[in-house]
Amino acid sequence: MSGLQVDKLLIPFLSCNACIQEKTVHKSFLQEAQNRSKAPGECQMSDIFGPTCIQSIGGFKYFIFFMDDMARYSHVLFLWEKGEVVD
């Protein structure tokens, strides 16, 4: 068997797309957004989270989060049901 040689052209390229993407170089994120609001209240963001697997002390399962883009002031409200968001 010592005289047996493997033709490297016959071996398929063993790499998947995820492997190739993982090895690529990524640009770093900017430290500060370039299009931030200039005045408080100009742009507000919100997100809802839930249901949580563990209820809070008050029995809440959902949380809604509000944040002002310029001031970065944030506020969290607790909800029993997701339908309370409209109120």
PDB file of N, CA and C in Angstrom:
ATOM      1  N   MET A   1       0.797  -1.197   0.000  1.00  0.00           N
ATOM      2  CA  MET A   1       0.000   0.000   0.000  1.00  0.00           C
ATOM      3  C   MET A   1       0.842   1.264   0.000  1.00  0.00           C
ATOM      4  N   SER A   2       2.089   1.173   0.239  1.00  0.00           N
ATOM      5  CA  SER A   2       2.921   2.362   0.294  1.00  0.00           C
ATOM      6  C   SER A   2       3.047   3.038  -1.060  1.00  0.00           C
ATOM      7  N   GLY A   3       2.830   2.305  -2.144  1.00  0.00           N
ATOM      8  CA  GLY A   3       2.942   2.886  -3.464  1.00  0.00           C
ATOM      9  C   GLY A   3       1.650   3.522  -3.951  1.00  0.00           C
ATOM     10  N   LEU A   4       0.562   3.428  -3.174  1.00  0.00           N
ATOM     11  CA  LEU A   4      -0.738   3.952  -3.593  1.00  0.00           C
ATOM     12  C   LEU A   4      -0.791   5.464  -3.401  1.00  0.00           C
ATOM     13  N   GLN A   5      -1.119   6.195  -4.430  1.00  0.00           N
ATOM     14  CA  GLN A   5      -1.211   7.658  -4.373  1.00  0.00           C
ATOM     15  C   GLN A   5      -2.664   8.062  -4.629  1.00  0.00           C
ATOM     16  N   VAL A   6      -3.127   9.061  -3.920  1.00  0.00           N
ATOM     17  CA  VAL A   6      -4.493   9.558  -4.093  1.00  0.00           C
ATOM     18  C   VAL A   6      -4.450  10.780  -4.997  1.00  0.00           C
ATOM     19  N   ASP A   7      -5.274  10.747  -6.039  1.00  0.00           N
ATOM     20  CA  ASP A   7      -5.372  11.893  -6.942  1.00  0.00           C
ATOM     21  C   ASP A   7      -6.221  12.966  -6.252  1.00  0.00           C
ATOM     22  N   LYS A   8      -5.627  14.105  -5.874  1.00  0.00           N
ATOM     23  CA  LYS A   8      -6.325  15.163  -5.148  1.00  0.00           C
ATOM     24  C   LYS A   8      -7.429  15.807  -5.970  1.00  0.00           C
ATOM     25  N   LEU A   9      -7.397  15.692  -7.285  1.00  0.00           N
ATOM     26  CA  LEU A   9      -8.451  16.254  -8.129  1.00  0.00           C
ATOM     27  C   LEU A   9      -9.756  15.477  -8.016  1.00  0.00           C
ATOM     28  N   LEU A  10      -9.669  14.222  -7.562  1.00  0.00           N
ATOM     29  CA  LEU A  10     -10.870  13.394  -7.424  1.00  0.00           C
ATOM     30  C   LEU A  10     -11.598  13.624  -6.099  1.00  0.00           C
ATOM     31  N   ILE A  11     -10.950  14.305  -5.132  1.00  0.00           N
ATOM     32  CA  ILE A  11     -11.571  14.566  -3.832  1.00  0.00           C
ATOM     33  C   ILE A  11     -12.474  15.792  -3.975  1.00  0.00           C
ATOM     34  N   PRO A  12     -13.765  15.660  -3.643  1.00  0.00           N
ATOM     35  CA  PRO A  12     -14.661  16.816  -3.746  1.00  0.00           C
ATOM     36  C   PRO A  12     -14.288  17.902  -2.735  1.00  0.00           C
ATOM     37  N   PHE A  13     -14.615  19.126  -3.075  1.00  0.00           N
ATOM     38  CA  PHE A  13     -14.360  20.259  -2.185  1.00  0.00           C
ATOM     39  C   PHE A  13     -15.290  20.133  -0.986  1.00  0.00           C
ATOM     40  N   LEU A  14     -14.731  19.887   0.182  1.00  0.00           N
ATOM     41  CA  LEU A  14     -15.532  19.620   1.377  1.00  0.00           C
ATOM     42  C   LEU A  14     -15.700  20.882   2.213  1.00  0.00           C
ATOM     43  N   SER A  15     -16.516  21.788   1.758  1.00  0.00           N
ATOM     44  CA  SER A  15     -16.775  23.009   2.505  1.00  0.00           C
ATOM     45  C   SER A  15     -18.187  23.471   2.192  1.00  0.00           C
ATOM     46  N   CYS A  16     -18.904  23.836   3.220  1.00  0.00           N
ATOM     47  CA  CYS A  16     -20.283  24.291   3.026  1.00  0.00           C
ATOM     48  C   CYS A  16     -20.334  25.822   3.044  1.00  0.00           C
ATOM     49  N   ASN A  17     -21.467  26.385   2.645  1.00  0.00           N
ATOM     50  CA  ASN A  17     -21.620  27.848   2.610  1.00  0.00           C
ATOM     51  C   ASN A  17     -21.419  28.473   3.979  1.00  0.00           C
ATOM     52  N   ALA A  18     -21.933  27.838   5.030  1.00  0.00           N
ATOM     53  CA  ALA A  18     -21.771  28.392   6.379  1.00  0.00           C
ATOM     54  C   ALA A  18     -20.296  28.468   6.768  1.00  0.00           C
ATOM     55  N   CYS A  19     -19.510  27.452   6.384  1.00  0.00           N
ATOM     56  CA  CYS A  19     -18.075  27.470   6.691  1.00  0.00           C
ATOM     57  C   CYS A  19     -17.372  28.606   5.960  1.00  0.00           C
ATOM     58  N   ILE A  20     -17.736  28.795   4.708  1.00  0.00           N
ATOM     59  CA  ILE A  20     -17.120  29.862   3.912  1.00  0.00           C
ATOM     60  C   ILE A  20     -17.480  31.229   4.501  1.00  0.00           C
ATOM     61  N   GLN A  21     -18.754  31.435   4.851  1.00  0.00           N
ATOM     62  CA  GLN A  21     -19.193  32.718   5.407  1.00  0.00           C
ATOM     63  C   GLN A  21     -18.548  32.982   6.761  1.00  0.00           C
ATOM     64  N   GLU A  22     -18.345  31.950   7.544  1.00  0.00           N
ATOM     65  CA  GLU A  22     -17.742  32.118   8.868  1.00  0.00           C
ATOM     66  C   GLU A  22     -16.296  32.600   8.769  1.00  0.00           C
ATOM     67  N   LYS A  23     -15.619  32.235   7.705  1.00  0.00           N
ATOM     68  CA  LYS A  23     -14.217  32.601   7.539  1.00  0.00           C
ATOM     69  C   LYS A  23     -14.017  33.954   6.867  1.00  0.00           C
ATOM     70  N   THR A  24     -15.093  34.576   6.391  1.00  0.00           N
ATOM     71  CA  THR A  24     -14.949  35.871   5.741  1.00  0.00           C
ATOM     72  C   THR A  24     -14.743  36.972   6.780  1.00  0.00           C
ATOM     73  N   VAL A  25     -14.138  38.041   6.364  1.00  0.00           N
ATOM     74  CA  VAL A  25     -13.871  39.168   7.253  1.00  0.00           C
ATOM     75  C   VAL A  25     -15.081  40.104   7.240  1.00  0.00           C
ATOM     76  N   HIS A  26     -15.531  40.492   8.413  1.00  0.00           N
ATOM     77  CA  HIS A  26     -16.672  41.387   8.546  1.00  0.00           C
ATOM     78  C   HIS A  26     -16.204  42.779   8.944  1.00  0.00           C
ATOM     79  N   LYS A  27     -16.913  43.780   8.461  1.00  0.00           N
ATOM     80  CA  LYS A  27     -16.638  45.148   8.890  1.00  0.00           C
ATOM     81  C   LYS A  27     -17.214  45.330  10.291  1.00  0.00           C
ATOM     82  N   SER A  28     -16.539  46.091  11.129  1.00  0.00           N
ATOM     83  CA  SER A  28     -17.039  46.334  12.470  1.00  0.00           C
ATOM     84  C   SER A  28     -18.193  47.328  12.423  1.00  0.00           C
ATOM     85  N   PHE A  29     -19.084  47.244  13.404  1.00  0.00           N
ATOM     86  CA  PHE A  29     -20.216  48.140  13.491  1.00  0.00           C
ATOM     87  C   PHE A  29     -19.760  49.521  13.951  1.00  0.00           C
ATOM     88  N   LEU A  30     -20.468  50.540  13.517  1.00  0.00           N
ATOM     89  CA  LEU A  30     -20.173  51.898  13.963  1.00  0.00           C
ATOM     90  C   LEU A  30     -20.497  52.028  15.441  1.00  0.00           C
ATOM     91  N   GLN A  31     -19.720  52.825  16.150  1.00  0.00           N
ATOM     92  CA  GLN A  31     -19.961  53.028  17.567  1.00  0.00           C
ATOM     93  C   GLN A  31     -21.227  53.851  17.812  1.00  0.00           C
ATOM     94  N   GLU A  32     -21.546  54.735  16.917  1.00  0.00           N
ATOM     95  CA  GLU A  32     -22.704  55.627  17.065  1.00  0.00           C
ATOM     96  C   GLU A  32     -23.449  55.677  15.736  1.00  0.00           C
ATOM     97  N   ALA A  33     -24.755  55.621  15.804  1.00  0.00           N
ATOM     98  CA  ALA A  33     -25.565  55.693  14.590  1.00  0.00           C
ATOM     99  C   ALA A  33     -25.403  57.054  13.935  1.00  0.00           C
ATOM    100  N   GLN A  34     -25.432  57.082  12.612  1.00  0.00           N
ATOM    101  CA  GLN A  34     -25.223  58.332  11.897  1.00  0.00           C
ATOM    102  C   GLN A  34     -26.524  59.093  11.669  1.00  0.00           C
ATOM    103  N   ASN A  35     -27.667  58.467  11.856  1.00  0.00           N
ATOM    104  CA  ASN A  35     -28.939  59.134  11.576  1.00  0.00           C
ATOM    105  C   ASN A  35     -29.822  59.211  12.816  1.00  0.00           C
ATOM    106  N   ARG A  36     -29.247  59.590  13.942  1.00  0.00           N
ATOM    107  CA  ARG A  36     -30.001  59.718  15.192  1.00  0.00           C
ATOM    108  C   ARG A  36     -30.892  60.948  15.147  1.00  0.00           C
ATOM    109  N   SER A  37     -31.962  60.929  15.921  1.00  0.00           N
ATOM    110  CA  SER A  37     -32.884  62.056  16.011  1.00  0.00           C
ATOM    111  C   SER A  37     -32.191  63.265  16.617  1.00  0.00           C
ATOM    112  N   LYS A  38     -32.638  64.455  16.211  1.00  0.00           N
ATOM    113  CA  LYS A  38     -32.033  65.705  16.696  1.00  0.00           C
ATOM    114  C   LYS A  38     -32.785  66.293  17.888  1.00  0.00           C
ATOM    115  N   ALA A  39     -34.047  65.875  18.091  1.00  0.00           N
ATOM    116  CA  ALA A  39     -34.847  66.421  19.187  1.00  0.00           C
ATOM    117  C   ALA A  39     -35.554  65.284  19.929  1.00  0.00           C
ATOM    118  N   PRO A  40     -35.726  65.426  21.260  1.00  0.00           N
ATOM    119  CA  PRO A  40     -36.449  64.400  22.015  1.00  0.00           C
ATOM    120  C   PRO A  40     -37.885  64.243  21.491  1.00  0.00           C
ATOM    121  N   GLY A  41     -38.358  63.019  21.405  1.00  0.00           N
ATOM    122  CA  GLY A  41     -39.712  62.751  20.938  1.00  0.00           C
ATOM    123  C   GLY A  41     -39.864  62.671  19.430  1.00  0.00           C
ATOM    124  N   GLU A  42     -38.819  62.993  18.684  1.00  0.00           N
ATOM    125  CA  GLU A  42     -38.877  62.956  17.219  1.00  0.00           C
ATOM    126  C   GLU A  42     -39.051  61.525  16.711  1.00  0.00           C
ATOM    127  N   CYS A  43     -38.360  60.596  17.335  1.00  0.00           N
ATOM    128  CA  CYS A  43     -38.451  59.183  16.942  1.00  0.00           C
ATOM    129  C   CYS A  43     -38.447  58.327  18.205  1.00  0.00           C
ATOM    130  N   GLN A  44     -39.479  57.524  18.362  1.00  0.00           N
ATOM    131  CA  GLN A  44     -39.557  56.612  19.498  1.00  0.00           C
ATOM    132  C   GLN A  44     -39.695  55.196  18.984  1.00  0.00           C
ATOM    133  N   MET A  45     -39.078  54.284  19.679  1.00  0.00           N
ATOM    134  CA  MET A  45     -39.111  52.880  19.290  1.00  0.00           C
ATOM    135  C   MET A  45     -39.777  52.081  20.397  1.00  0.00           C
ATOM    136  N   SER A  46     -40.399  50.972  20.027  1.00  0.00           N
ATOM    137  CA  SER A  46     -41.001  50.101  21.030  1.00  0.00           C
ATOM    138  C   SER A  46     -40.870  48.660  20.601  1.00  0.00           C
ATOM    139  N   ASP A  47     -40.948  47.781  21.575  1.00  0.00           N
ATOM    140  CA  ASP A  47     -40.889  46.349  21.322  1.00  0.00           C
ATOM    141  C   ASP A  47     -41.652  45.658  22.437  1.00  0.00           C
ATOM    142  N   ILE A  48     -42.276  44.532  22.098  1.00  0.00           N
ATOM    143  CA  ILE A  48     -43.002  43.763  23.101  1.00  0.00           C
ATOM    144  C   ILE A  48     -42.327  42.417  23.254  1.00  0.00           C
ATOM    145  N   PHE A  49     -42.295  41.924  24.484  1.00  0.00           N
ATOM    146  CA  PHE A  49     -41.654  40.652  24.775  1.00  0.00           C
ATOM    147  C   PHE A  49     -42.627  39.786  25.559  1.00  0.00           C
ATOM    148  N   GLY A  50     -42.734  38.528  25.186  1.00  0.00           N
ATOM    149  CA  GLY A  50     -43.547  37.600  25.946  1.00  0.00           C
ATOM    150  C   GLY A  50     -44.217  36.589  25.049  1.00  0.00           C
ATOM    151  N   PRO A  51     -44.854  35.628  25.595  1.00  0.00           N
ATOM    152  CA  PRO A  51     -45.012  35.392  27.036  1.00  0.00           C
ATOM    153  C   PRO A  51     -43.732  34.809  27.632  1.00  0.00           C
ATOM    154  N   THR A  52     -43.469  35.198  28.859  1.00  0.00           N
ATOM    155  CA  THR A  52     -42.318  34.664  29.571  1.00  0.00           C
ATOM    156  C   THR A  52     -42.700  33.325  30.172  1.00  0.00           C
ATOM    157  N   CYS A  53     -41.730  32.472  30.394  1.00  0.00           N
ATOM    158  CA  CYS A  53     -42.037  31.159  30.976  1.00  0.00           C
ATOM    159  C   CYS A  53     -42.274  31.272  32.478  1.00  0.00           C
ATOM    160  N   ILE A  54     -41.796  32.343  33.099  1.00  0.00           N
ATOM    161  CA  ILE A  54     -42.025  32.575  34.531  1.00  0.00           C
ATOM    162  C   ILE A  54     -42.724  33.918  34.690  1.00  0.00           C
ATOM    163  N   GLN A  55     -43.814  33.949  35.428  1.00  0.00           N
ATOM    164  CA  GLN A  55     -44.546  35.200  35.651  1.00  0.00           C
ATOM    165  C   GLN A  55     -43.806  36.067  36.665  1.00  0.00           C
ATOM    166  N   SER A  56     -44.027  37.374  36.575  1.00  0.00           N
ATOM    167  CA  SER A  56     -43.445  38.289  37.560  1.00  0.00           C
ATOM    168  C   SER A  56     -44.231  38.180  38.861  1.00  0.00           C
ATOM    169  N   ILE A  57     -43.799  38.896  39.877  1.00  0.00           N
ATOM    170  CA  ILE A  57     -44.482  38.869  41.172  1.00  0.00           C
ATOM    171  C   ILE A  57     -45.939  39.295  41.027  1.00  0.00           C
ATOM    172  N   GLY A  58     -46.219  40.256  40.157  1.00  0.00           N
ATOM    173  CA  GLY A  58     -47.587  40.712  39.938  1.00  0.00           C
ATOM    174  C   GLY A  58     -48.386  39.824  38.989  1.00  0.00           C
ATOM    175  N   GLY A  59     -47.782  38.769  38.467  1.00  0.00           N
ATOM    176  CA  GLY A  59     -48.456  37.864  37.559  1.00  0.00           C
ATOM    177  C   GLY A  59     -48.370  38.278  36.101  1.00  0.00           C
ATOM    178  N   PHE A  60     -47.478  39.218  35.799  1.00  0.00           N
ATOM    179  CA  PHE A  60     -47.330  39.690  34.416  1.00  0.00           C
ATOM    180  C   PHE A  60     -46.550  38.676  33.579  1.00  0.00           C
ATOM    181  N   LYS A  61     -46.964  38.511  32.328  1.00  0.00           N
ATOM    182  CA  LYS A  61     -46.281  37.603  31.405  1.00  0.00           C
ATOM    183  C   LYS A  61     -45.666  38.344  30.219  1.00  0.00           C
ATOM    184  N   TYR A  62     -46.080  39.595  29.980  1.00  0.00           N
ATOM    185  CA  TYR A  62     -45.617  40.369  28.825  1.00  0.00           C
ATOM    186  C   TYR A  62     -45.017  41.687  29.301  1.00  0.00           C
ATOM    187  N   PHE A  63     -44.088  42.218  28.508  1.00  0.00           N
ATOM    188  CA  PHE A  63     -43.458  43.499  28.790  1.00  0.00           C
ATOM    189  C   PHE A  63     -43.411  44.284  27.494  1.00  0.00           C
ATOM    190  N   ILE A  64     -43.653  45.586  27.580  1.00  0.00           N
ATOM    191  CA  ILE A  64     -43.493  46.445  26.407  1.00  0.00           C
ATOM    192  C   ILE A  64     -42.447  47.498  26.772  1.00  0.00           C
ATOM    193  N   PHE A  65     -41.569  47.736  25.834  1.00  0.00           N
ATOM    194  CA  PHE A  65     -40.413  48.595  26.042  1.00  0.00           C
ATOM    195  C   PHE A  65     -40.489  49.761  25.076  1.00  0.00           C
ATOM    196  N   PHE A  66     -40.331  50.985  25.590  1.00  0.00           N
ATOM    197  CA  PHE A  66     -40.315  52.199  24.772  1.00  0.00           C
ATOM    198  C   PHE A  66     -38.970  52.886  24.954  1.00  0.00           C
ATOM    199  N   MET A  67     -38.423  53.450  23.865  1.00  0.00           N
ATOM    200  CA  MET A  67     -37.161  54.179  23.971  1.00  0.00           C
ATOM    201  C   MET A  67     -37.158  55.359  23.017  1.00  0.00           C
ATOM    202  N   ASP A  68     -36.718  56.515  23.523  1.00  0.00           N
ATOM    203  CA  ASP A  68     -36.570  57.712  22.717  1.00  0.00           C
ATOM    204  C   ASP A  68     -35.206  57.649  22.026  1.00  0.00           C
ATOM    205  N   ASP A  69     -35.182  57.850  20.719  1.00  0.00           N
ATOM    206  CA  ASP A  69     -33.955  57.714  19.940  1.00  0.00           C
ATOM    207  C   ASP A  69     -32.903  58.748  20.312  1.00  0.00           C
ATOM    208  N   MET A  70     -33.297  59.995  20.536  1.00  0.00           N
ATOM    209  CA  MET A  70     -32.316  61.051  20.822  1.00  0.00           C
ATOM    210  C   MET A  70     -31.825  60.985  22.265  1.00  0.00           C
ATOM    211  N   ALA A  71     -32.753  60.966  23.215  1.00  0.00           N
ATOM    212  CA  ALA A  71     -32.391  61.023  24.628  1.00  0.00           C
ATOM    213  C   ALA A  71     -31.962  59.663  25.179  1.00  0.00           C
ATOM    214  N   ARG A  72     -32.327  58.572  24.496  1.00  0.00           N
ATOM    215  CA  ARG A  72     -32.078  57.212  24.945  1.00  0.00           C
ATOM    216  C   ARG A  72     -32.805  56.901  26.246  1.00  0.00           C
ATOM    217  N   TYR A  73     -33.820  57.714  26.559  1.00  0.00           N
ATOM    218  CA  TYR A  73     -34.664  57.457  27.722  1.00  0.00           C
ATOM    219  C   TYR A  73     -35.528  56.246  27.408  1.00  0.00           C
ATOM    220  N   SER A  74     -35.620  55.316  28.342  1.00  0.00           N
ATOM    221  CA  SER A  74     -36.433  54.127  28.106  1.00  0.00           C
ATOM    222  C   SER A  74     -37.424  53.927  29.242  1.00  0.00           C
ATOM    223  N   HIS A  75     -38.505  53.253  28.901  1.00  0.00           N
ATOM    224  CA  HIS A  75     -39.587  53.012  29.857  1.00  0.00           C
ATOM    225  C   HIS A  75     -40.161  51.627  29.576  1.00  0.00           C
ATOM    226  N   VAL A  76     -40.416  50.862  30.625  1.00  0.00           N
ATOM    227  CA  VAL A  76     -40.967  49.513  30.479  1.00  0.00           C
ATOM    228  C   VAL A  76     -42.321  49.461  31.179  1.00  0.00           C
ATOM    229  N   LEU A  77     -43.302  48.883  30.495  1.00  0.00           N
ATOM    230  CA  LEU A  77     -44.622  48.642  31.084  1.00  0.00           C
ATOM    231  C   LEU A  77     -44.847  47.137  31.148  1.00  0.00           C
ATOM    232  N   PHE A  78     -45.514  46.700  32.194  1.00  0.00           N
ATOM    233  CA  PHE A  78     -45.797  45.287  32.379  1.00  0.00           C
ATOM    234  C   PHE A  78     -47.240  45.005  31.982  1.00  0.00           C
ATOM    235  N   LEU A  79     -47.463  43.876  31.309  1.00  0.00           N
ATOM    236  CA  LEU A  79     -48.782  43.525  30.799  1.00  0.00           C
ATOM    237  C   LEU A  79     -49.149  42.098  31.210  1.00  0.00           C
ATOM    238  N   TRP A  80     -50.426  41.885  31.510  1.00  0.00           N
ATOM    239  CA  TRP A  80     -50.888  40.529  31.788  1.00  0.00           C
ATOM    240  C   TRP A  80     -51.122  39.771  30.480  1.00  0.00           C
ATOM    241  N   GLU A  81     -51.677  40.482  29.489  1.00  0.00           N
ATOM    242  CA  GLU A  81     -51.980  39.862  28.195  1.00  0.00           C
ATOM    243  C   GLU A  81     -51.434  40.743  27.064  1.00  0.00           C
ATOM    244  N   LYS A  82     -51.152  40.134  25.942  1.00  0.00           N
ATOM    245  CA  LYS A  82     -50.601  40.863  24.804  1.00  0.00           C
ATOM    246  C   LYS A  82     -51.607  41.871  24.244  1.00  0.00           C
ATOM    247  N   GLY A  83     -52.892  41.588  24.381  1.00  0.00           N
ATOM    248  CA  GLY A  83     -53.938  42.473  23.878  1.00  0.00           C
ATOM    249  C   GLY A  83     -53.991  43.814  24.569  1.00  0.00           C
ATOM    250  N   GLU A  84     -53.347  43.940  25.716  1.00  0.00           N
ATOM    251  CA  GLU A  84     -53.324  45.206  26.446  1.00  0.00           C
ATOM    252  C   GLU A  84     -52.475  46.270  25.754  1.00  0.00           C
ATOM    253  N   VAL A  85     -51.684  45.894  24.772  1.00  0.00           N
ATOM    254  CA  VAL A  85     -50.812  46.830  24.073  1.00  0.00           C
ATOM    255  C   VAL A  85     -51.615  47.956  23.458  1.00  0.00           C
ATOM    256  N   VAL A  86     -52.778  47.659  22.902  1.00  0.00           N
ATOM    257  CA  VAL A  86     -53.621  48.666  22.248  1.00  0.00           C
ATOM    258  C   VAL A  86     -54.050  49.728  23.259  1.00  0.00           C
ATOM    259  N   ASP A  87     -54.337  49.324  24.490  1.00  0.00           N
ATOM    260  CA  ASP A  87     -54.758  50.282  25.529  1.00  0.00           C
ATOM    261  C   ASP A  87     -53.625  51.216  25.877  1.00  0.00           C
TER     262      ASP A  87
END
